[in-house]
Structures are given as structure tokens and as C-alpha cells.
Amino acid sequence: MKLKHLYLLLTVLGVLYTWYYNIQYFQTTENPSLIHFFNEAESNFAGKSFGADLTIVVFTFFVFMIPESLKLKIKHWWILIPLTFFIAIAFTFPLFLYMREKTLEKNKKIKI
């Protein structure tokens, strides 16, 4: 299996795994709003720990992704920024790696 295909598989898993639980939450809560969702995520130290962890992961991803995308001239890389917040970092990070790998393969073929 090529690395880019593994990244694509992880992209699909990233959206399915995270959104399975998001959908479960919104179907079972008494107050299905985003504000309530974020308030509950911040309601204890475990949730705050996950939030802090993901915040650092997201910022690190952007610090890596933006210059790398510009350097490699990856098309449509900017769409990953809003998708990170609307879908999940578990979706956009492997999707970026897939896009990067595809661009590297394409650039390699052009140079030969």
C-alpha cells in the first residue's frame, strides 16, 4: 500500500470516527446546540485536557501546513483551515498529508 493511500484511509477514519460521536451527542442531548456541546466539553478537567491537547495539535498543524503548502505549491491547501474547525483535525491532517504526498509524487515525475 502506498503511503498516500494510507493517508487517505486515515482521512476517512478521521471523519467517520469523530463524527460518529458528534452525531451520537446531538441525537441524545437535551440541548443540541454547539454552545452546549462546547460547554459540556469544558465541563471537567478531562475535557479541558483534550481541548488543550487539540489546540496545540491544531496550531502545530497550521505552523507546518502553511509554509509546506506554499513551498510545494499544493493546490487548495487553504480549505483545510476552516475544515479543521468544521469537521475535525483527525480529518484534515491526514488529508493534508495525502495532498502533500500527491504533490511530491507529481513533482518527482516532472523532474525525471
N, C-alpha and C. Protein backbone atom coordinates (compact mmCIF):
# COMPACT_ATOMS: atom_id res chain seq x y z
N MET A 1 0.85 -1.18 0.00
CA MET A 1 0.00 0.00 0.00
C MET A 1 0.89 1.24 0.00
N LYS A 2 0.59 2.15 -0.91
CA LYS A 2 1.34 3.40 -0.95
C LYS A 2 0.98 4.26 0.26
N LEU A 3 1.93 5.06 0.65
CA LEU A 3 1.74 5.94 1.80
C LEU A 3 0.55 6.87 1.60
N LYS A 4 0.39 7.39 0.39
CA LYS A 4 -0.73 8.31 0.15
C LYS A 4 -2.08 7.61 0.34
N HIS A 5 -2.14 6.32 0.04
CA HIS A 5 -3.39 5.58 0.24
C HIS A 5 -3.67 5.37 1.74
N LEU A 6 -2.63 5.18 2.51
CA LEU A 6 -2.79 5.08 3.96
C LEU A 6 -3.30 6.41 4.52
N TYR A 7 -2.75 7.52 4.03
CA TYR A 7 -3.22 8.83 4.46
C TYR A 7 -4.70 9.03 4.10
N LEU A 8 -5.09 8.57 2.92
CA LEU A 8 -6.48 8.70 2.51
C LEU A 8 -7.39 7.85 3.41
N LEU A 9 -6.95 6.65 3.74
CA LEU A 9 -7.71 5.80 4.66
C LEU A 9 -7.85 6.47 6.03
N LEU A 10 -6.78 7.06 6.52
CA LEU A 10 -6.82 7.77 7.81
C LEU A 10 -7.74 8.99 7.75
N THR A 11 -7.81 9.64 6.58
CA THR A 11 -8.72 10.76 6.39
C THR A 11 -10.16 10.31 6.57
N VAL A 12 -10.51 9.20 5.93
CA VAL A 12 -11.87 8.66 6.04
C VAL A 12 -12.15 8.24 7.48
N LEU A 13 -11.22 7.54 8.10
CA LEU A 13 -11.40 7.15 9.50
C LEU A 13 -11.53 8.36 10.40
N GLY A 14 -10.77 9.40 10.12
CA GLY A 14 -10.81 10.62 10.93
C GLY A 14 -12.17 11.28 10.93
N VAL A 15 -12.82 11.30 9.79
CA VAL A 15 -14.15 11.91 9.74
C VAL A 15 -15.21 10.97 10.32
N LEU A 16 -15.12 9.69 10.01
CA LEU A 16 -16.13 8.74 10.49
C LEU A 16 -16.07 8.56 12.00
N TYR A 17 -14.88 8.42 12.54
CA TYR A 17 -14.70 8.16 13.97
C TYR A 17 -15.15 9.35 14.80
N THR A 18 -14.74 10.55 14.41
CA THR A 18 -15.11 11.72 15.20
C THR A 18 -16.59 12.07 15.05
N TRP A 19 -17.09 12.00 13.84
CA TRP A 19 -18.47 12.39 13.62
C TRP A 19 -19.47 11.35 14.09
N TYR A 20 -19.06 10.12 14.24
CA TYR A 20 -19.94 9.13 14.85
C TYR A 20 -20.34 9.61 16.25
N TYR A 21 -19.36 10.05 17.00
CA TYR A 21 -19.63 10.50 18.37
C TYR A 21 -20.31 11.87 18.39
N ASN A 22 -19.98 12.73 17.44
CA ASN A 22 -20.69 14.01 17.37
C ASN A 22 -22.18 13.79 17.12
N ILE A 23 -22.49 12.92 16.19
CA ILE A 23 -23.90 12.63 15.88
C ILE A 23 -24.59 12.00 17.08
N GLN A 24 -23.90 11.06 17.75
CA GLN A 24 -24.47 10.45 18.95
C GLN A 24 -24.79 11.52 20.00
N TYR A 25 -23.87 12.45 20.17
CA TYR A 25 -24.07 13.52 21.15
C TYR A 25 -25.32 14.33 20.80
N PHE A 26 -25.40 14.80 19.55
CA PHE A 26 -26.51 15.68 19.18
C PHE A 26 -27.85 14.94 19.15
N GLN A 27 -27.84 13.63 18.98
CA GLN A 27 -29.08 12.86 19.00
C GLN A 27 -29.56 12.54 20.42
N THR A 28 -28.65 12.59 21.38
CA THR A 28 -29.02 12.16 22.73
C THR A 28 -29.09 13.29 23.75
N THR A 29 -28.61 14.46 23.42
CA THR A 29 -28.61 15.55 24.41
C THR A 29 -29.94 16.29 24.40
N GLU A 30 -30.25 16.86 25.53
CA GLU A 30 -31.49 17.63 25.65
C GLU A 30 -31.38 18.99 24.95
N ASN A 31 -30.17 19.51 24.86
CA ASN A 31 -29.95 20.83 24.26
C ASN A 31 -28.92 20.70 23.13
N PRO A 32 -29.36 20.30 21.93
CA PRO A 32 -28.41 20.04 20.84
C PRO A 32 -27.93 21.32 20.15
N SER A 33 -27.11 22.08 20.82
CA SER A 33 -26.54 23.28 20.22
C SER A 33 -25.02 23.21 20.32
N LEU A 34 -24.34 23.95 19.45
CA LEU A 34 -22.88 23.99 19.51
C LEU A 34 -22.38 24.60 20.81
N ILE A 35 -23.08 25.60 21.29
CA ILE A 35 -22.68 26.24 22.55
C ILE A 35 -22.73 25.22 23.68
N HIS A 36 -23.81 24.46 23.74
CA HIS A 36 -23.94 23.42 24.78
C HIS A 36 -22.85 22.35 24.61
N PHE A 37 -22.57 21.98 23.36
CA PHE A 37 -21.53 21.00 23.06
C PHE A 37 -20.19 21.45 23.64
N PHE A 38 -19.81 22.70 23.35
CA PHE A 38 -18.52 23.20 23.83
C PHE A 38 -18.53 23.41 25.34
N ASN A 39 -19.66 23.81 25.91
CA ASN A 39 -19.75 23.94 27.36
C ASN A 39 -19.56 22.59 28.04
N GLU A 40 -20.17 21.55 27.49
CA GLU A 40 -20.01 20.22 28.08
C GLU A 40 -18.58 19.71 27.90
N ALA A 41 -17.96 20.01 26.77
CA ALA A 41 -16.57 19.59 26.55
C ALA A 41 -15.63 20.25 27.55
N GLU A 42 -16.00 21.42 28.05
CA GLU A 42 -15.19 22.17 29.00
C GLU A 42 -15.66 21.98 30.45
N SER A 43 -16.56 21.02 30.68
CA SER A 43 -17.19 20.91 31.99
C SER A 43 -16.33 20.23 33.05
N ASN A 44 -15.24 19.57 32.65
CA ASN A 44 -14.37 18.95 33.65
C ASN A 44 -12.93 18.97 33.16
N PHE A 45 -12.02 18.57 34.02
CA PHE A 45 -10.60 18.65 33.67
C PHE A 45 -10.20 17.69 32.55
N ALA A 46 -10.89 16.56 32.45
CA ALA A 46 -10.59 15.63 31.35
C ALA A 46 -10.91 16.27 30.00
N GLY A 47 -12.08 16.88 29.91
CA GLY A 47 -12.46 17.56 28.68
C GLY A 47 -11.54 18.73 28.37
N LYS A 48 -11.17 19.48 29.40
CA LYS A 48 -10.25 20.60 29.21
C LYS A 48 -8.88 20.11 28.76
N SER A 49 -8.45 18.96 29.26
CA SER A 49 -7.18 18.39 28.84
C SER A 49 -7.19 18.04 27.35
N PHE A 50 -8.28 17.39 26.91
CA PHE A 50 -8.41 17.08 25.48
C PHE A 50 -8.45 18.35 24.65
N GLY A 51 -9.17 19.35 25.14
CA GLY A 51 -9.25 20.62 24.42
C GLY A 51 -7.89 21.29 24.30
N ALA A 52 -7.13 21.30 25.37
CA ALA A 52 -5.80 21.89 25.35
C ALA A 52 -4.88 21.12 24.40
N ASP A 53 -4.97 19.81 24.45
CA ASP A 53 -4.16 18.95 23.58
C ASP A 53 -4.48 19.25 22.11
N LEU A 54 -5.75 19.27 21.78
CA LEU A 54 -6.16 19.51 20.39
C LEU A 54 -5.80 20.92 19.93
N THR A 55 -5.87 21.89 20.82
CA THR A 55 -5.50 23.26 20.45
C THR A 55 -4.04 23.32 20.01
N ILE A 56 -3.16 22.69 20.78
CA ILE A 56 -1.74 22.68 20.42
C ILE A 56 -1.51 21.89 19.13
N VAL A 57 -2.21 20.77 18.96
CA VAL A 57 -2.09 19.98 17.73
C VAL A 57 -2.53 20.81 16.52
N VAL A 58 -3.64 21.52 16.64
CA VAL A 58 -4.14 22.33 15.53
C VAL A 58 -3.15 23.43 15.18
N PHE A 59 -2.65 24.16 16.18
CA PHE A 59 -1.69 25.23 15.90
C PHE A 59 -0.40 24.67 15.28
N THR A 60 0.06 23.55 15.78
CA THR A 60 1.26 22.92 15.22
C THR A 60 1.03 22.49 13.78
N PHE A 61 -0.14 21.93 13.51
CA PHE A 61 -0.51 21.54 12.15
C PHE A 61 -0.47 22.75 11.22
N PHE A 62 -1.05 23.86 11.64
CA PHE A 62 -1.06 25.06 10.79
C PHE A 62 0.35 25.61 10.57
N VAL A 63 1.16 25.59 11.63
CA VAL A 63 2.55 26.07 11.51
C VAL A 63 3.32 25.21 10.51
N PHE A 64 3.05 23.93 10.44
CA PHE A 64 3.70 23.03 9.48
C PHE A 64 3.05 23.15 8.10
N MET A 65 1.72 23.11 8.06
CA MET A 65 0.99 23.02 6.80
C MET A 65 1.15 24.26 5.92
N ILE A 66 1.02 25.43 6.48
CA ILE A 66 1.00 26.65 5.66
C ILE A 66 2.31 26.85 4.91
N PRO A 67 3.47 26.88 5.58
CA PRO A 67 4.71 27.05 4.80
C PRO A 67 4.99 25.88 3.85
N GLU A 68 4.66 24.67 4.27
CA GLU A 68 4.89 23.48 3.43
C GLU A 68 4.02 23.55 2.18
N SER A 69 2.79 23.98 2.34
CA SER A 69 1.88 24.11 1.20
C SER A 69 2.36 25.17 0.22
N LEU A 70 2.82 26.28 0.75
CA LEU A 70 3.34 27.35 -0.11
C LEU A 70 4.62 26.91 -0.82
N LYS A 71 5.49 26.24 -0.10
CA LYS A 71 6.76 25.78 -0.67
C LYS A 71 6.52 24.78 -1.79
N LEU A 72 5.62 23.83 -1.57
CA LEU A 72 5.36 22.77 -2.56
C LEU A 72 4.29 23.16 -3.58
N LYS A 73 3.67 24.32 -3.37
CA LYS A 73 2.59 24.79 -4.25
C LYS A 73 1.44 23.79 -4.30
N ILE A 74 1.00 23.36 -3.12
CA ILE A 74 -0.13 22.44 -3.00
C ILE A 74 -1.40 23.22 -3.30
N LYS A 75 -2.19 22.69 -4.22
CA LYS A 75 -3.43 23.37 -4.60
C LYS A 75 -4.49 23.23 -3.51
N HIS A 76 -5.24 24.28 -3.32
CA HIS A 76 -6.41 24.30 -2.44
C HIS A 76 -6.09 23.96 -0.98
N TRP A 77 -4.86 24.16 -0.55
CA TRP A 77 -4.47 23.84 0.83
C TRP A 77 -5.25 24.65 1.85
N TRP A 78 -5.60 25.88 1.50
CA TRP A 78 -6.25 26.82 2.42
C TRP A 78 -7.61 26.32 2.92
N ILE A 79 -8.28 25.47 2.12
CA ILE A 79 -9.59 24.96 2.53
C ILE A 79 -9.49 24.11 3.80
N LEU A 80 -8.30 23.59 4.08
CA LEU A 80 -8.11 22.74 5.26
C LEU A 80 -8.25 23.53 6.57
N ILE A 81 -8.00 24.83 6.52
CA ILE A 81 -8.10 25.63 7.74
C ILE A 81 -9.54 25.66 8.26
N PRO A 82 -10.53 26.09 7.46
CA PRO A 82 -11.89 26.04 8.00
C PRO A 82 -12.40 24.62 8.24
N LEU A 83 -12.00 23.67 7.38
CA LEU A 83 -12.44 22.29 7.57
C LEU A 83 -11.94 21.70 8.88
N THR A 84 -10.80 22.17 9.36
CA THR A 84 -10.28 21.71 10.65
C THR A 84 -11.27 22.03 11.76
N PHE A 85 -11.89 23.20 11.68
CA PHE A 85 -12.82 23.61 12.72
C PHE A 85 -14.24 23.09 12.49
N PHE A 86 -14.63 22.92 11.23
CA PHE A 86 -15.99 22.46 10.93
C PHE A 86 -16.12 20.94 10.94
N ILE A 87 -15.03 20.23 10.67
CA ILE A 87 -15.10 18.76 10.63
C ILE A 87 -14.26 18.19 11.76
N ALA A 88 -12.93 18.19 11.60
CA ALA A 88 -12.04 17.68 12.67
C ALA A 88 -10.60 17.70 12.17
N ILE A 89 -9.69 17.92 13.09
CA ILE A 89 -8.26 17.81 12.78
C ILE A 89 -7.92 16.38 12.39
N ALA A 90 -8.66 15.41 12.93
CA ALA A 90 -8.45 14.00 12.58
C ALA A 90 -8.76 13.74 11.11
N PHE A 91 -9.51 14.62 10.49
CA PHE A 91 -9.83 14.55 9.06
C PHE A 91 -8.82 15.35 8.24
N THR A 92 -8.56 16.60 8.64
CA THR A 92 -7.75 17.48 7.80
C THR A 92 -6.26 17.19 7.83
N PHE A 93 -5.74 16.74 8.95
CA PHE A 93 -4.30 16.46 9.00
C PHE A 93 -3.92 15.31 8.05
N PRO A 94 -4.58 14.16 8.10
CA PRO A 94 -4.22 13.13 7.12
C PRO A 94 -4.58 13.53 5.69
N LEU A 95 -5.62 14.35 5.51
CA LEU A 95 -5.94 14.83 4.17
C LEU A 95 -4.82 15.70 3.64
N PHE A 96 -4.26 16.57 4.49
CA PHE A 96 -3.11 17.37 4.07
C PHE A 96 -1.94 16.47 3.70
N LEU A 97 -1.67 15.45 4.51
CA LEU A 97 -0.56 14.55 4.20
C LEU A 97 -0.79 13.83 2.86
N TYR A 98 -2.03 13.49 2.58
CA TYR A 98 -2.37 12.89 1.29
C TYR A 98 -2.10 13.89 0.15
N MET A 99 -2.56 15.12 0.32
CA MET A 99 -2.35 16.16 -0.70
C MET A 99 -0.86 16.42 -0.90
N ARG A 100 -0.13 16.43 0.18
CA ARG A 100 1.32 16.66 0.12
C ARG A 100 2.01 15.52 -0.62
N GLU A 101 1.64 14.29 -0.29
CA GLU A 101 2.25 13.13 -0.94
C GLU A 101 1.95 13.12 -2.43
N LYS A 102 0.71 13.44 -2.80
CA LYS A 102 0.34 13.52 -4.22
C LYS A 102 1.17 14.58 -4.94
N THR A 103 1.35 15.73 -4.31
CA THR A 103 2.14 16.80 -4.91
C THR A 103 3.59 16.39 -5.05
N LEU A 104 4.14 15.74 -4.03
CA LEU A 104 5.53 15.28 -4.10
C LEU A 104 5.71 14.26 -5.22
N GLU A 105 4.76 13.34 -5.37
CA GLU A 105 4.82 12.36 -6.46
C GLU A 105 4.76 13.05 -7.82
N LYS A 106 3.88 14.01 -7.95
CA LYS A 106 3.73 14.75 -9.20
C LYS A 106 5.00 15.51 -9.53
N ASN A 107 5.58 16.19 -8.53
CA ASN A 107 6.81 16.95 -8.73
C ASN A 107 7.97 16.03 -9.08
N LYS A 108 7.99 14.85 -8.51
CA LYS A 108 9.04 13.88 -8.80
C LYS A 108 8.97 13.43 -10.26
N LYS A 109 7.76 13.20 -10.75
CA LYS A 109 7.56 12.77 -12.14
C LYS A 109 7.95 13.86 -13.12
N ILE A 110 7.68 15.10 -12.76
CA ILE A 110 8.01 16.22 -13.64
C ILE A 110 9.52 16.40 -13.77
N LYS A 111 10.26 16.19 -12.69
CA LYS A 111 11.70 16.39 -12.68
C LYS A 111 12.46 15.30 -13.42
N ILE A 112 11.88 14.13 -13.57
CA ILE A 112 12.59 13.00 -14.20
C ILE A 112 12.65 13.15 -15.68
